């Protein structure tokens, strides 16, 4: 549950402000900024396809951890777009990379939850996962917005506020990747993940 919340917090802390970076900071049109978001949607779908077709080759927690690290790499490189000397079109492959990582890590968390929950608890566990998902998205977007607004109010630097907000999203994603090893099943069929 916690890791799903960290995933959505980290990704949507950045995703919610991609258009703001591209349009307000780098001067792209809304149509051009839409290309970046479309590419991210396509790569998220591609990552989901890869995970679904290869999940019998690697354990599910491997997809979660590697996906979170790929998202972190995508966020870190997307942050370079805030630098005026960097070509703005770098936003397409960098944030698309983050989308691919989300495709790898998002669905396995639901499968792990179903694996770990007792059959009688799967309904409540699914509800908790969905709530955590929504909470992570709302908090990621809200915290980023608060950071951007506070920095902009203090010194009028939109780019600095966005960089700090994206850094928070990046750190949250790295923290999630660091604890993702707890998702592996315990030896002898015991539960490695307390659902409490």
N, C-alpha and C. Protein backbone atom coordinates (compact mmCIF):
# COMPACT_ATOMS: atom_id res chain seq x y z
N UNK A 1 0.84 -1.19 0.00
CA UNK A 1 0.00 0.00 0.00
C UNK A 1 0.88 1.25 0.00
N UNK A 2 1.86 1.26 0.90
CA UNK A 2 2.74 2.42 1.01
C UNK A 2 3.48 2.68 -0.30
N UNK A 3 3.99 1.62 -0.91
CA UNK A 3 4.77 1.81 -2.12
C UNK A 3 3.89 2.32 -3.26
N UNK A 4 2.63 1.87 -3.36
CA UNK A 4 1.74 2.40 -4.39
C UNK A 4 1.53 3.91 -4.17
N UNK A 5 1.38 4.32 -2.91
CA UNK A 5 1.24 5.74 -2.63
C UNK A 5 2.50 6.52 -3.00
N UNK A 6 3.66 5.94 -2.75
CA UNK A 6 4.91 6.60 -3.11
C UNK A 6 5.06 6.71 -4.62
N UNK A 7 4.66 5.67 -5.33
CA UNK A 7 4.72 5.67 -6.80
C UNK A 7 3.88 6.82 -7.37
N UNK A 8 2.63 6.90 -6.92
CA UNK A 8 1.76 7.93 -7.47
C UNK A 8 2.18 9.33 -7.00
N UNK A 9 2.63 9.45 -5.76
CA UNK A 9 3.11 10.74 -5.27
C UNK A 9 4.27 11.22 -6.14
N UNK A 10 5.29 10.37 -6.28
CA UNK A 10 6.49 10.76 -7.01
C UNK A 10 6.24 11.11 -8.46
N UNK A 11 5.42 10.31 -9.14
CA UNK A 11 5.19 10.55 -10.56
C UNK A 11 4.31 11.78 -10.77
N UNK A 12 3.19 11.86 -10.05
CA UNK A 12 2.24 12.94 -10.31
C UNK A 12 2.68 14.27 -9.72
N UNK A 13 3.67 14.26 -8.82
CA UNK A 13 4.28 15.50 -8.37
C UNK A 13 4.95 16.22 -9.53
N UNK A 14 5.37 15.46 -10.53
CA UNK A 14 6.00 16.02 -11.72
C UNK A 14 5.00 16.12 -12.87
N UNK A 15 4.26 15.06 -13.10
CA UNK A 15 3.34 15.00 -14.25
C UNK A 15 2.37 16.17 -14.27
N UNK A 16 1.88 16.57 -13.12
CA UNK A 16 0.89 17.64 -13.06
C UNK A 16 1.44 18.98 -13.56
N UNK A 17 2.76 19.12 -13.58
CA UNK A 17 3.37 20.40 -13.93
C UNK A 17 4.24 20.35 -15.20
N UNK A 18 4.15 19.24 -15.93
CA UNK A 18 4.92 19.13 -17.17
C UNK A 18 4.50 20.22 -18.15
N UNK A 19 3.22 20.41 -18.33
CA UNK A 19 2.75 21.44 -19.27
C UNK A 19 3.20 22.83 -18.83
N UNK A 20 3.21 23.07 -17.54
CA UNK A 20 3.64 24.38 -17.02
C UNK A 20 5.10 24.63 -17.37
N UNK A 21 5.92 23.60 -17.23
CA UNK A 21 7.34 23.73 -17.59
C UNK A 21 7.47 24.07 -19.07
N UNK A 22 6.79 23.29 -19.89
CA UNK A 22 6.98 23.42 -21.33
C UNK A 22 6.38 24.71 -21.90
N UNK A 23 5.23 25.12 -21.37
CA UNK A 23 4.56 26.30 -21.91
C UNK A 23 5.05 27.58 -21.24
N UNK A 24 5.02 27.63 -19.90
CA UNK A 24 5.34 28.88 -19.20
C UNK A 24 6.83 29.13 -19.04
N UNK A 25 7.61 28.05 -18.88
CA UNK A 25 9.06 28.24 -18.68
C UNK A 25 9.81 28.19 -20.01
N UNK A 26 9.45 27.24 -20.88
CA UNK A 26 10.21 27.05 -22.12
C UNK A 26 9.52 27.59 -23.38
N UNK A 27 8.30 28.09 -23.25
CA UNK A 27 7.66 28.78 -24.38
C UNK A 27 7.08 27.92 -25.47
N UNK A 28 6.83 26.66 -25.20
CA UNK A 28 6.17 25.80 -26.20
C UNK A 28 4.69 26.15 -26.28
N UNK A 29 4.08 25.77 -27.39
CA UNK A 29 2.63 25.90 -27.49
C UNK A 29 1.97 24.74 -26.74
N UNK A 30 0.68 24.86 -26.47
CA UNK A 30 -0.04 23.78 -25.80
C UNK A 30 -0.03 22.51 -26.66
N UNK A 31 -0.13 22.67 -27.96
CA UNK A 31 -0.10 21.50 -28.84
C UNK A 31 1.24 20.78 -28.77
N UNK A 32 2.31 21.55 -28.75
CA UNK A 32 3.64 20.94 -28.65
C UNK A 32 3.81 20.25 -27.29
N UNK A 33 3.34 20.87 -26.24
CA UNK A 33 3.43 20.25 -24.91
C UNK A 33 2.62 18.96 -24.87
N UNK A 34 1.52 18.92 -25.61
CA UNK A 34 0.70 17.71 -25.68
C UNK A 34 1.44 16.53 -26.27
N UNK A 35 2.43 16.80 -27.13
CA UNK A 35 3.23 15.71 -27.70
C UNK A 35 3.99 14.97 -26.59
N UNK A 36 4.51 15.72 -25.64
CA UNK A 36 5.26 15.11 -24.53
C UNK A 36 4.33 14.21 -23.71
N UNK A 37 3.15 14.71 -23.39
CA UNK A 37 2.20 13.93 -22.60
C UNK A 37 1.69 12.71 -23.36
N UNK A 38 1.51 12.85 -24.66
CA UNK A 38 1.07 11.71 -25.48
C UNK A 38 2.16 10.65 -25.52
N UNK A 39 3.40 11.08 -25.69
CA UNK A 39 4.51 10.12 -25.70
C UNK A 39 4.59 9.37 -24.37
N UNK A 40 4.34 10.07 -23.27
CA UNK A 40 4.37 9.44 -21.95
C UNK A 40 3.26 8.41 -21.81
N UNK A 41 2.08 8.72 -22.32
CA UNK A 41 0.97 7.77 -22.28
C UNK A 41 1.29 6.52 -23.08
N UNK A 42 1.89 6.70 -24.24
CA UNK A 42 2.24 5.56 -25.09
C UNK A 42 3.29 4.68 -24.40
N UNK A 43 4.29 5.30 -23.79
CA UNK A 43 5.33 4.49 -23.15
C UNK A 43 4.81 3.83 -21.87
N UNK A 44 3.87 4.46 -21.17
CA UNK A 44 3.25 3.81 -20.00
C UNK A 44 2.55 2.53 -20.47
N UNK A 45 1.82 2.63 -21.57
CA UNK A 45 1.14 1.45 -22.12
C UNK A 45 2.16 0.39 -22.54
N UNK A 46 3.25 0.82 -23.14
CA UNK A 46 4.30 -0.11 -23.56
C UNK A 46 4.91 -0.81 -22.35
N UNK A 47 5.19 -0.06 -21.29
CA UNK A 47 5.73 -0.67 -20.08
C UNK A 47 4.78 -1.68 -19.47
N UNK A 48 3.49 -1.38 -19.50
CA UNK A 48 2.49 -2.33 -18.99
C UNK A 48 2.49 -3.61 -19.82
N UNK A 49 2.61 -3.44 -21.14
CA UNK A 49 2.64 -4.61 -22.03
C UNK A 49 3.88 -5.47 -21.74
N UNK A 50 5.03 -4.82 -21.59
CA UNK A 50 6.27 -5.56 -21.30
C UNK A 50 6.13 -6.33 -20.00
N UNK A 51 5.62 -5.67 -18.97
CA UNK A 51 5.46 -6.32 -17.67
C UNK A 51 4.49 -7.49 -17.76
N UNK A 52 3.38 -7.31 -18.46
CA UNK A 52 2.37 -8.38 -18.55
C UNK A 52 2.90 -9.59 -19.30
N UNK A 53 3.76 -9.36 -20.31
CA UNK A 53 4.25 -10.48 -21.12
C UNK A 53 5.52 -11.12 -20.55
N UNK A 54 6.18 -10.43 -19.62
CA UNK A 54 7.42 -10.98 -19.08
C UNK A 54 7.33 -11.28 -17.59
N UNK A 55 6.13 -11.17 -17.00
CA UNK A 55 6.07 -11.35 -15.55
C UNK A 55 6.26 -12.80 -15.11
N UNK A 56 6.31 -13.73 -16.07
CA UNK A 56 6.62 -15.12 -15.70
C UNK A 56 8.13 -15.37 -15.74
N UNK A 57 8.91 -14.37 -16.17
CA UNK A 57 10.37 -14.53 -16.22
C UNK A 57 11.06 -13.93 -15.01
N UNK A 58 10.49 -12.88 -14.47
CA UNK A 58 11.08 -12.20 -13.31
C UNK A 58 10.03 -12.02 -12.23
N UNK A 59 10.44 -11.99 -10.98
CA UNK A 59 9.48 -11.77 -9.89
C UNK A 59 8.86 -10.37 -9.99
N UNK A 60 7.64 -10.25 -9.47
CA UNK A 60 6.91 -8.99 -9.58
C UNK A 60 7.64 -7.84 -8.90
N UNK A 61 8.28 -8.10 -7.75
CA UNK A 61 8.95 -7.00 -7.06
C UNK A 61 10.10 -6.42 -7.88
N UNK A 62 10.66 -7.23 -8.79
CA UNK A 62 11.72 -6.75 -9.67
C UNK A 62 11.18 -5.68 -10.62
N UNK A 63 9.96 -5.90 -11.14
CA UNK A 63 9.35 -4.90 -12.01
C UNK A 63 9.07 -3.61 -11.24
N UNK A 64 8.63 -3.75 -10.00
CA UNK A 64 8.32 -2.56 -9.21
C UNK A 64 9.58 -1.74 -8.97
N UNK A 65 10.63 -2.39 -8.48
CA UNK A 65 11.86 -1.66 -8.17
C UNK A 65 12.50 -1.07 -9.44
N UNK A 66 12.63 -1.88 -10.48
CA UNK A 66 13.26 -1.37 -11.70
C UNK A 66 12.41 -0.27 -12.33
N UNK A 67 11.08 -0.42 -12.27
CA UNK A 67 10.20 0.61 -12.80
C UNK A 67 10.35 1.92 -12.05
N UNK A 68 10.46 1.84 -10.72
CA UNK A 68 10.62 3.06 -9.92
C UNK A 68 11.96 3.73 -10.22
N UNK A 69 12.99 2.94 -10.42
CA UNK A 69 14.30 3.53 -10.76
C UNK A 69 14.27 4.17 -12.14
N UNK A 70 13.54 3.57 -13.07
CA UNK A 70 13.41 4.15 -14.41
C UNK A 70 12.62 5.46 -14.33
N UNK A 71 11.55 5.48 -13.53
CA UNK A 71 10.80 6.73 -13.35
C UNK A 71 11.72 7.80 -12.76
N UNK A 72 12.51 7.42 -11.77
CA UNK A 72 13.44 8.37 -11.16
C UNK A 72 14.42 8.92 -12.18
N UNK A 73 14.94 8.05 -13.04
CA UNK A 73 15.85 8.51 -14.09
C UNK A 73 15.15 9.46 -15.05
N UNK A 74 13.89 9.14 -15.39
CA UNK A 74 13.13 10.01 -16.27
C UNK A 74 12.88 11.38 -15.65
N UNK A 75 12.53 11.40 -14.37
CA UNK A 75 12.30 12.68 -13.68
C UNK A 75 13.60 13.49 -13.62
N UNK A 76 14.70 12.82 -13.24
CA UNK A 76 15.98 13.53 -13.11
C UNK A 76 16.42 14.14 -14.42
N UNK A 77 16.26 13.41 -15.51
CA UNK A 77 16.67 13.97 -16.80
C UNK A 77 15.66 14.99 -17.33
N UNK A 78 14.37 14.81 -17.00
CA UNK A 78 13.39 15.82 -17.40
C UNK A 78 13.67 17.16 -16.72
N UNK A 79 14.19 17.13 -15.52
CA UNK A 79 14.51 18.37 -14.80
C UNK A 79 15.52 19.23 -15.56
N UNK A 80 16.32 18.60 -16.42
CA UNK A 80 17.29 19.36 -17.22
C UNK A 80 16.59 20.32 -18.17
N UNK A 81 15.34 20.02 -18.54
CA UNK A 81 14.59 20.88 -19.46
C UNK A 81 14.36 22.26 -18.84
N UNK A 82 14.44 22.38 -17.52
CA UNK A 82 14.30 23.68 -16.87
C UNK A 82 15.48 24.61 -17.17
N UNK A 83 16.58 24.05 -17.65
CA UNK A 83 17.77 24.86 -17.98
C UNK A 83 17.60 25.42 -19.39
N UNK A 84 17.64 26.73 -19.55
CA UNK A 84 17.39 27.32 -20.88
C UNK A 84 18.32 26.83 -21.98
N UNK A 85 19.56 26.48 -21.63
CA UNK A 85 20.52 26.04 -22.65
C UNK A 85 20.23 24.63 -23.17
N UNK A 86 19.41 23.87 -22.48
CA UNK A 86 19.10 22.49 -22.89
C UNK A 86 17.97 22.52 -23.91
N UNK A 87 18.09 21.79 -25.02
CA UNK A 87 17.01 21.77 -26.01
C UNK A 87 15.70 21.28 -25.38
N UNK A 88 14.63 22.02 -25.63
CA UNK A 88 13.35 21.74 -25.00
C UNK A 88 12.79 20.38 -25.42
N UNK A 89 13.15 19.93 -26.62
CA UNK A 89 12.61 18.66 -27.10
C UNK A 89 13.18 17.45 -26.35
N UNK A 90 14.16 17.68 -25.48
CA UNK A 90 14.64 16.61 -24.60
C UNK A 90 13.51 16.13 -23.69
N UNK A 91 12.50 16.97 -23.51
CA UNK A 91 11.36 16.60 -22.67
C UNK A 91 10.64 15.36 -23.19
N UNK A 92 10.65 15.14 -24.51
CA UNK A 92 9.91 13.99 -25.06
C UNK A 92 10.52 12.67 -24.59
N UNK A 93 11.80 12.39 -24.85
CA UNK A 93 12.32 11.09 -24.41
C UNK A 93 12.45 10.97 -22.90
N UNK A 94 12.73 12.07 -22.20
CA UNK A 94 12.97 11.95 -20.76
C UNK A 94 11.68 11.64 -20.00
N UNK A 95 10.61 12.39 -20.30
CA UNK A 95 9.39 12.10 -19.56
C UNK A 95 8.71 10.84 -20.08
N UNK A 96 8.95 10.51 -21.35
CA UNK A 96 8.47 9.22 -21.87
C UNK A 96 9.14 8.07 -21.13
N UNK A 97 10.39 8.24 -20.75
CA UNK A 97 11.08 7.23 -19.95
C UNK A 97 10.38 7.04 -18.61
N UNK A 98 9.97 8.14 -17.99
CA UNK A 98 9.24 8.04 -16.73
C UNK A 98 7.92 7.28 -16.93
N UNK A 99 7.25 7.53 -18.05
CA UNK A 99 6.01 6.81 -18.35
C UNK A 99 6.25 5.32 -18.49
N UNK A 100 7.35 4.95 -19.15
CA UNK A 100 7.68 3.53 -19.30
C UNK A 100 7.88 2.87 -17.94
N UNK A 101 8.58 3.56 -17.05
CA UNK A 101 8.79 3.03 -15.70
C UNK A 101 7.49 2.84 -14.95
N UNK A 102 6.55 3.78 -15.13
CA UNK A 102 5.24 3.63 -14.48
C UNK A 102 4.51 2.40 -15.02
N UNK A 103 4.62 2.16 -16.31
CA UNK A 103 3.99 0.98 -16.89
C UNK A 103 4.55 -0.31 -16.29
N UNK A 104 5.85 -0.31 -15.99
CA UNK A 104 6.47 -1.50 -15.40
C UNK A 104 6.05 -1.71 -13.95
N UNK A 105 5.91 -0.63 -13.18
CA UNK A 105 5.74 -0.81 -11.73
C UNK A 105 4.30 -0.73 -11.23
N UNK A 106 3.39 -0.20 -12.01
CA UNK A 106 2.06 0.11 -11.48
C UNK A 106 1.20 -1.14 -11.28
N UNK A 107 1.02 -1.93 -12.30
CA UNK A 107 0.15 -3.12 -12.21
C UNK A 107 0.67 -4.19 -11.26
N UNK A 108 1.99 -4.47 -11.22
CA UNK A 108 2.46 -5.51 -10.30
C UNK A 108 2.10 -5.26 -8.84
N UNK A 109 1.94 -4.00 -8.46
CA UNK A 109 1.59 -3.72 -7.07
C UNK A 109 0.21 -4.27 -6.72
N UNK A 110 -0.73 -4.19 -7.67
CA UNK A 110 -2.04 -4.79 -7.45
C UNK A 110 -1.96 -6.30 -7.36
N UNK A 111 -1.12 -6.90 -8.20
CA UNK A 111 -0.96 -8.36 -8.18
C UNK A 111 -0.31 -8.82 -6.87
N UNK A 112 0.66 -8.06 -6.41
CA UNK A 112 1.31 -8.40 -5.14
C UNK A 112 0.31 -8.29 -3.99
N UNK A 113 -0.52 -7.26 -4.02
CA UNK A 113 -1.53 -7.10 -2.98
C UNK A 113 -2.47 -8.30 -2.96
N UNK A 114 -2.92 -8.76 -4.12
CA UNK A 114 -3.82 -9.92 -4.18
C UNK A 114 -3.12 -11.19 -3.72
N UNK A 115 -1.83 -11.30 -4.02
CA UNK A 115 -1.06 -12.47 -3.60
C UNK A 115 -0.93 -12.52 -2.08
N UNK A 116 -0.74 -11.38 -1.46
CA UNK A 116 -0.46 -11.33 -0.03
C UNK A 116 -1.72 -11.33 0.83
N UNK A 117 -2.83 -10.86 0.29
CA UNK A 117 -4.06 -10.77 1.10
C UNK A 117 -4.75 -12.12 1.16
N UNK A 118 -5.31 -12.43 2.30
CA UNK A 118 -6.14 -13.63 2.42
C UNK A 118 -7.37 -13.44 1.53
N UNK A 119 -7.92 -14.54 0.98
CA UNK A 119 -9.08 -14.40 0.09
C UNK A 119 -10.21 -13.57 0.70
N UNK A 120 -10.45 -13.72 1.97
CA UNK A 120 -11.54 -12.96 2.61
C UNK A 120 -11.22 -11.48 2.73
N UNK A 121 -9.94 -11.12 2.64
CA UNK A 121 -9.52 -9.72 2.80
C UNK A 121 -9.21 -9.02 1.49
N UNK A 122 -9.36 -9.72 0.36
CA UNK A 122 -8.94 -9.12 -0.90
C UNK A 122 -9.78 -7.91 -1.30
N UNK A 123 -11.06 -7.91 -0.95
CA UNK A 123 -11.91 -6.75 -1.26
C UNK A 123 -11.47 -5.51 -0.50
N UNK A 124 -11.25 -5.66 0.80
CA UNK A 124 -10.83 -4.50 1.59
C UNK A 124 -9.41 -4.07 1.22
N UNK A 125 -8.56 -5.03 0.88
CA UNK A 125 -7.20 -4.68 0.47
C UNK A 125 -7.21 -3.92 -0.86
N UNK A 126 -8.10 -4.33 -1.79
CA UNK A 126 -8.22 -3.62 -3.06
C UNK A 126 -8.71 -2.19 -2.84
N UNK A 127 -9.65 -2.03 -1.93
CA UNK A 127 -10.14 -0.68 -1.61
C UNK A 127 -9.04 0.17 -1.00
N UNK A 128 -8.25 -0.42 -0.12
CA UNK A 128 -7.16 0.32 0.51
C UNK A 128 -6.11 0.73 -0.52
N UNK A 129 -5.84 -0.17 -1.48
CA UNK A 129 -4.87 0.15 -2.53
C UNK A 129 -5.38 1.30 -3.39
N UNK A 130 -6.66 1.26 -3.72
CA UNK A 130 -7.25 2.33 -4.53
C UNK A 130 -7.22 3.67 -3.78
N UNK A 131 -7.51 3.62 -2.50
CA UNK A 131 -7.47 4.85 -1.69
C UNK A 131 -6.06 5.40 -1.61
N UNK A 132 -5.09 4.52 -1.40
CA UNK A 132 -3.69 4.94 -1.34
C UNK A 132 -3.24 5.54 -2.66
N UNK A 133 -3.70 4.95 -3.75
CA UNK A 133 -3.42 5.44 -5.09
C UNK A 133 -3.89 6.89 -5.23
N UNK A 134 -5.15 7.13 -4.88
CA UNK A 134 -5.74 8.47 -4.99
C UNK A 134 -5.05 9.45 -4.04
N UNK A 135 -4.76 8.99 -2.84
CA UNK A 135 -4.12 9.85 -1.85
C UNK A 135 -2.72 10.25 -2.31
N UNK A 136 -1.97 9.30 -2.85
CA UNK A 136 -0.63 9.61 -3.36
C UNK A 136 -0.67 10.63 -4.48
N UNK A 137 -1.62 10.46 -5.40
CA UNK A 137 -1.76 11.39 -6.51
C UNK A 137 -2.11 12.79 -5.99
N UNK A 138 -3.08 12.86 -5.09
CA UNK A 138 -3.50 14.16 -4.55
C UNK A 138 -2.38 14.84 -3.77
N UNK A 139 -1.69 14.07 -2.93
CA UNK A 139 -0.62 14.65 -2.14
C UNK A 139 0.56 15.08 -3.01
N UNK A 140 0.92 14.25 -4.00
CA UNK A 140 2.02 14.61 -4.89
C UNK A 140 1.74 15.91 -5.63
N UNK A 141 0.53 16.01 -6.18
CA UNK A 141 0.15 17.21 -6.91
C UNK A 141 0.06 18.40 -5.96
N UNK A 142 -0.55 18.19 -4.79
CA UNK A 142 -0.72 19.29 -3.84
C UNK A 142 0.58 19.80 -3.25
N UNK A 143 1.46 18.87 -2.86
CA UNK A 143 2.75 19.29 -2.29
C UNK A 143 3.57 20.04 -3.33
N UNK A 144 3.59 19.53 -4.56
CA UNK A 144 4.32 20.23 -5.63
C UNK A 144 3.75 21.62 -5.84
N UNK A 145 2.42 21.71 -5.89
CA UNK A 145 1.79 23.01 -6.09
C UNK A 145 2.11 23.98 -4.98
N UNK A 146 2.12 23.49 -3.74
CA UNK A 146 2.44 24.36 -2.61
C UNK A 146 3.88 24.85 -2.68
N UNK A 147 4.79 23.97 -3.08
CA UNK A 147 6.20 24.36 -3.20
C UNK A 147 6.36 25.41 -4.29
N UNK A 148 5.77 25.16 -5.45
CA UNK A 148 5.89 26.10 -6.57
C UNK A 148 5.31 27.46 -6.18
N UNK A 149 4.13 27.46 -5.55
CA UNK A 149 3.49 28.72 -5.17
C UNK A 149 4.32 29.47 -4.14
N UNK A 150 4.87 28.75 -3.15
CA UNK A 150 5.64 29.41 -2.10
C UNK A 150 6.91 30.04 -2.65
N UNK A 151 7.62 29.31 -3.50
CA UNK A 151 8.87 29.85 -4.08
C UNK A 151 8.55 31.02 -5.00
N UNK A 152 7.51 30.90 -5.80
CA UNK A 152 7.15 31.98 -6.72
C UNK A 152 6.74 33.23 -5.94
N UNK A 153 6.00 33.05 -4.86
CA UNK A 153 5.58 34.19 -4.04
C UNK A 153 6.78 34.85 -3.38
N UNK A 154 7.77 34.03 -2.99
CA UNK A 154 8.93 34.56 -2.28
C UNK A 154 9.86 35.35 -3.19
N UNK A 155 10.16 34.82 -4.38
CA UNK A 155 11.13 35.52 -5.24
C UNK A 155 10.77 35.54 -6.71
N UNK A 156 9.57 35.09 -7.06
CA UNK A 156 9.12 35.19 -8.45
C UNK A 156 9.80 34.25 -9.42
N UNK A 157 10.48 33.21 -8.93
CA UNK A 157 11.18 32.29 -9.82
C UNK A 157 10.37 31.00 -9.98
N UNK A 158 9.63 30.92 -11.06
CA UNK A 158 8.81 29.73 -11.33
C UNK A 158 9.69 28.50 -11.53
N UNK A 159 10.77 28.66 -12.29
CA UNK A 159 11.65 27.53 -12.59
C UNK A 159 12.27 26.93 -11.35
N UNK A 160 12.67 27.77 -10.39
CA UNK A 160 13.26 27.27 -9.15
C UNK A 160 12.24 26.47 -8.35
N UNK A 161 11.03 27.00 -8.25
CA UNK A 161 9.98 26.28 -7.54
C UNK A 161 9.69 24.93 -8.15
N UNK A 162 9.64 24.88 -9.48
CA UNK A 162 9.40 23.61 -10.17
C UNK A 162 10.55 22.64 -9.93
N UNK A 163 11.78 23.14 -9.97
CA UNK A 163 12.94 22.26 -9.74
C UNK A 163 12.90 21.65 -8.34
N UNK A 164 12.54 22.45 -7.34
CA UNK A 164 12.47 21.93 -5.98
C UNK A 164 11.34 20.90 -5.87
N UNK A 165 10.19 21.22 -6.45
CA UNK A 165 9.05 20.29 -6.40
C UNK A 165 9.39 18.97 -7.09
N UNK A 166 10.05 19.05 -8.23
CA UNK A 166 10.43 17.83 -8.95
C UNK A 166 11.47 17.04 -8.17
N UNK A 167 12.36 17.76 -7.47
CA UNK A 167 13.33 17.08 -6.63
C UNK A 167 12.67 16.28 -5.51
N UNK A 168 11.59 16.83 -4.95
CA UNK A 168 10.84 16.10 -3.92
C UNK A 168 10.24 14.83 -4.53
N UNK A 169 9.63 14.95 -5.71
CA UNK A 169 9.07 13.77 -6.39
C UNK A 169 10.14 12.73 -6.67
N UNK A 170 11.31 13.17 -7.08
CA UNK A 170 12.43 12.27 -7.36
C UNK A 170 12.87 11.54 -6.09
N UNK A 171 13.00 12.26 -4.99
CA UNK A 171 13.42 11.63 -3.73
C UNK A 171 12.40 10.62 -3.24
N UNK A 172 11.12 10.93 -3.37
CA UNK A 172 10.08 10.00 -2.97
C UNK A 172 10.16 8.72 -3.80
N UNK A 173 10.39 8.86 -5.11
CA UNK A 173 10.49 7.69 -5.99
C UNK A 173 11.71 6.84 -5.62
N UNK A 174 12.83 7.48 -5.32
CA UNK A 174 14.03 6.74 -4.92
C UNK A 174 13.83 6.02 -3.59
N UNK A 175 13.14 6.67 -2.65
CA UNK A 175 12.85 6.03 -1.38
C UNK A 175 11.98 4.79 -1.60
N UNK A 176 10.98 4.90 -2.46
CA UNK A 176 10.13 3.75 -2.77
C UNK A 176 10.93 2.61 -3.38
N UNK A 177 11.84 2.93 -4.28
CA UNK A 177 12.68 1.89 -4.90
C UNK A 177 13.56 1.22 -3.84
N UNK A 178 14.02 2.00 -2.87
CA UNK A 178 14.89 1.45 -1.83
C UNK A 178 14.16 0.44 -0.95
N UNK A 179 12.87 0.65 -0.72
CA UNK A 179 12.14 -0.28 0.15
C UNK A 179 11.33 -1.32 -0.63
N UNK A 180 11.43 -1.30 -1.94
CA UNK A 180 10.64 -2.23 -2.76
C UNK A 180 11.04 -3.68 -2.56
N UNK A 181 12.21 -3.93 -2.01
CA UNK A 181 12.63 -5.31 -1.75
C UNK A 181 11.71 -6.01 -0.76
N UNK A 182 10.98 -5.25 0.05
CA UNK A 182 10.03 -5.85 0.99
C UNK A 182 8.84 -6.49 0.30
N UNK A 183 8.72 -6.27 -0.99
CA UNK A 183 7.59 -6.84 -1.74
C UNK A 183 7.80 -8.30 -2.13
N UNK A 184 9.02 -8.80 -2.00
CA UNK A 184 9.24 -10.19 -2.40
C UNK A 184 8.58 -11.14 -1.41
N UNK A 185 8.07 -12.25 -1.93
CA UNK A 185 7.38 -13.19 -1.03
C UNK A 185 8.34 -13.78 -0.01
N UNK A 186 7.81 -14.01 1.18
CA UNK A 186 8.62 -14.61 2.23
C UNK A 186 8.87 -16.08 1.90
N UNK A 187 9.97 -16.65 2.39
CA UNK A 187 10.22 -18.07 2.16
C UNK A 187 9.11 -18.93 2.77
N UNK A 188 8.87 -20.05 2.17
CA UNK A 188 7.89 -21.05 2.67
C UNK A 188 6.46 -20.52 2.65
N UNK A 189 6.18 -19.57 1.74
CA UNK A 189 4.80 -19.13 1.54
C UNK A 189 4.28 -18.18 2.57
N UNK A 190 5.10 -17.72 3.53
CA UNK A 190 4.63 -16.74 4.50
C UNK A 190 4.49 -15.38 3.87
N UNK A 191 3.80 -14.49 4.54
CA UNK A 191 3.60 -13.15 3.99
C UNK A 191 4.77 -12.25 4.36
N UNK A 192 5.40 -11.63 3.33
CA UNK A 192 6.50 -10.73 3.58
C UNK A 192 6.01 -9.31 3.81
N UNK A 193 4.78 -9.03 3.41
CA UNK A 193 4.28 -7.66 3.46
C UNK A 193 3.11 -7.60 4.41
N UNK A 194 3.25 -6.91 5.55
CA UNK A 194 2.11 -6.77 6.43
C UNK A 194 1.08 -5.85 5.78
N UNK A 195 -0.16 -6.32 5.69
CA UNK A 195 -1.22 -5.53 5.04
C UNK A 195 -1.98 -4.68 6.04
N UNK A 196 -1.81 -4.96 7.34
CA UNK A 196 -2.42 -4.31 8.46
C UNK A 196 -3.11 -3.09 8.20
